[in-house]
Amino acid sequence: MSTQELIKHADDSNFESMILTGDKPVLVDFWAPWCGPCRAISPVLDELASEYGDRVNVVKVNVDDNPRTAGQYGVRSIPTLLVIKDGKVKDTSIGMVSKNQLADLINRNMN
């Protein structure tokens, strides 16, 4: 399975069903195509999706195309990454961060 298949894309219409009703943690990346740091962090998300496999879902939400969801979660700066588990935001990271920082973010919210 390629990393393209591991990372899913959510929108305003399917966010709730894709993210809030799952039984495992979800790393949600709020991004936009014009955002340099968003493009820079994308390969890191690909690696994490591959490494964590089916233990964590990695989902991207384009803020330009899905302003309702971005607004609902108070996204004011991108990239904003949220860890959502059991329908609730458990952790947040804003801006460009390292792979190790994102792995730590995921790991501390696995249980």
Protein backbone atom coordinates (compact mmCIF):
# COMPACT_ATOMS: atom_id res chain seq x y z
CA MET A 1 0.00 0.00 0.00
CA SER A 2 1.45 3.38 -0.97
CA THR A 3 1.58 6.35 1.38
CA GLN A 4 -0.96 8.07 -0.85
CA GLU A 5 -3.44 5.38 0.16
CA LEU A 6 -2.49 5.63 3.85
CA ILE A 7 -3.27 9.34 4.09
CA LYS A 8 -6.94 10.12 3.73
CA HIS A 9 -8.59 13.42 2.86
CA ALA A 10 -11.58 14.71 4.79
CA ASP A 11 -13.93 17.58 4.00
CA ASP A 12 -16.73 19.50 5.65
CA SER A 13 -19.26 16.83 4.66
CA ASN A 14 -17.41 13.71 5.87
CA PHE A 15 -15.19 14.99 8.69
CA GLU A 16 -17.44 13.73 11.46
CA SER A 17 -17.82 10.23 10.01
CA MET A 18 -14.11 9.91 9.16
CA ILE A 19 -12.58 11.44 12.28
CA LEU A 20 -14.94 11.62 15.22
CA THR A 21 -16.44 8.14 15.12
CA GLY A 22 -13.27 6.06 14.71
CA ASP A 23 -11.82 3.81 17.38
CA LYS A 24 -8.17 4.83 17.00
CA PRO A 25 -6.28 8.12 17.23
CA VAL A 26 -6.38 10.39 14.18
CA LEU A 27 -3.66 12.88 13.28
CA VAL A 28 -5.48 15.63 11.38
CA ASP A 29 -3.41 18.00 9.24
CA PHE A 30 -5.13 21.30 8.46
CA TRP A 31 -3.24 22.60 5.42
CA ALA A 32 -3.44 24.51 2.13
CA PRO A 33 -1.62 23.95 -1.19
CA TRP A 34 -0.08 27.44 -1.15
CA CYS A 35 1.43 26.98 2.34
CA GLY A 36 5.20 26.33 2.23
CA PRO A 37 5.46 24.76 5.70
CA CYS A 38 2.44 22.56 4.86
CA ARG A 39 4.22 21.26 1.78
CA ALA A 40 7.42 20.75 3.80
CA ILE A 41 5.69 18.67 6.48
CA SER A 42 3.81 16.50 3.97
CA PRO A 43 6.65 13.94 3.45
CA VAL A 44 6.94 13.61 7.25
CA LEU A 45 3.24 12.79 7.45
CA ASP A 46 3.71 10.21 4.68
CA GLU A 47 6.49 8.56 6.70
CA LEU A 48 4.44 8.56 9.91
CA ALA A 49 1.39 7.12 8.14
CA SER A 50 3.56 4.32 6.82
CA GLU A 51 5.30 3.65 10.14
CA TYR A 52 2.17 3.68 12.31
CA GLY A 53 0.14 1.73 9.77
CA ASP A 54 -3.32 0.84 11.05
CA ARG A 55 -2.65 2.05 14.62
CA VAL A 56 -3.22 5.72 13.70
CA ASN A 57 -5.16 7.38 10.88
CA VAL A 58 -3.54 10.36 9.18
CA VAL A 59 -6.07 12.68 7.56
CA LYS A 60 -5.57 15.96 5.70
CA VAL A 61 -8.13 18.78 5.57
CA ASN A 62 -7.63 21.58 3.04
CA VAL A 63 -8.63 24.76 4.89
CA ASP A 64 -9.41 26.67 1.68
CA ASP A 65 -11.92 24.05 0.55
CA ASN A 66 -13.32 23.28 4.03
CA PRO A 67 -13.63 26.51 6.00
CA ARG A 68 -16.45 25.22 8.21
CA THR A 69 -14.37 22.42 9.71
CA ALA A 70 -11.27 24.62 10.05
CA GLY A 71 -13.35 27.28 11.81
CA GLN A 72 -15.01 24.74 14.07
CA TYR A 73 -11.56 23.72 15.37
CA GLY A 74 -10.26 27.28 15.65
CA VAL A 75 -7.59 26.86 12.99
CA ARG A 76 -6.00 30.28 12.51
CA SER A 77 -2.53 29.25 11.37
CA ILE A 78 -1.38 26.38 9.19
CA PRO A 79 -0.15 23.77 9.35
CA THR A 80 -2.21 22.93 12.42
CA LEU A 81 -2.09 19.28 13.47
CA LEU A 82 -4.61 17.84 15.90
CA VAL A 83 -4.66 14.45 17.54
CA ILE A 84 -8.30 13.43 17.90
CA LYS A 85 -9.26 10.35 19.85
CA ASP A 86 -12.71 9.23 21.00
CA GLY A 87 -14.18 12.27 19.24
CA LYS A 88 -12.16 14.79 21.26
CA VAL A 89 -9.06 16.88 20.54
CA LYS A 90 -6.32 15.42 22.72
CA ASP A 91 -3.33 17.44 21.49
CA THR A 92 -2.37 20.21 19.07
CA SER A 93 0.74 21.27 17.18
CA ILE A 94 0.95 24.46 15.13
CA GLY A 95 3.60 25.23 12.54
CA MET A 96 6.47 23.23 11.10
CA VAL A 97 7.72 20.60 13.54
CA SER A 98 10.12 17.70 13.26
CA LYS A 99 9.20 14.09 12.68
CA ASN A 100 10.29 13.28 16.25
CA GLN A 101 8.00 15.97 17.66
CA LEU A 102 5.04 14.61 15.68
CA ALA A 103 5.85 11.04 16.73
CA ASP A 104 5.91 12.21 20.36
CA LEU A 105 2.55 13.93 19.83
CA ILE A 106 1.06 10.70 18.50
CA ASN A 107 2.71 8.40 21.06
CA ARG A 108 1.51 10.32 24.10
CA ASN A 109 -2.06 10.01 22.83
CA MET A 110 -2.06 6.35 21.81
CA ASN A 111 -3.65 4.99 24.99
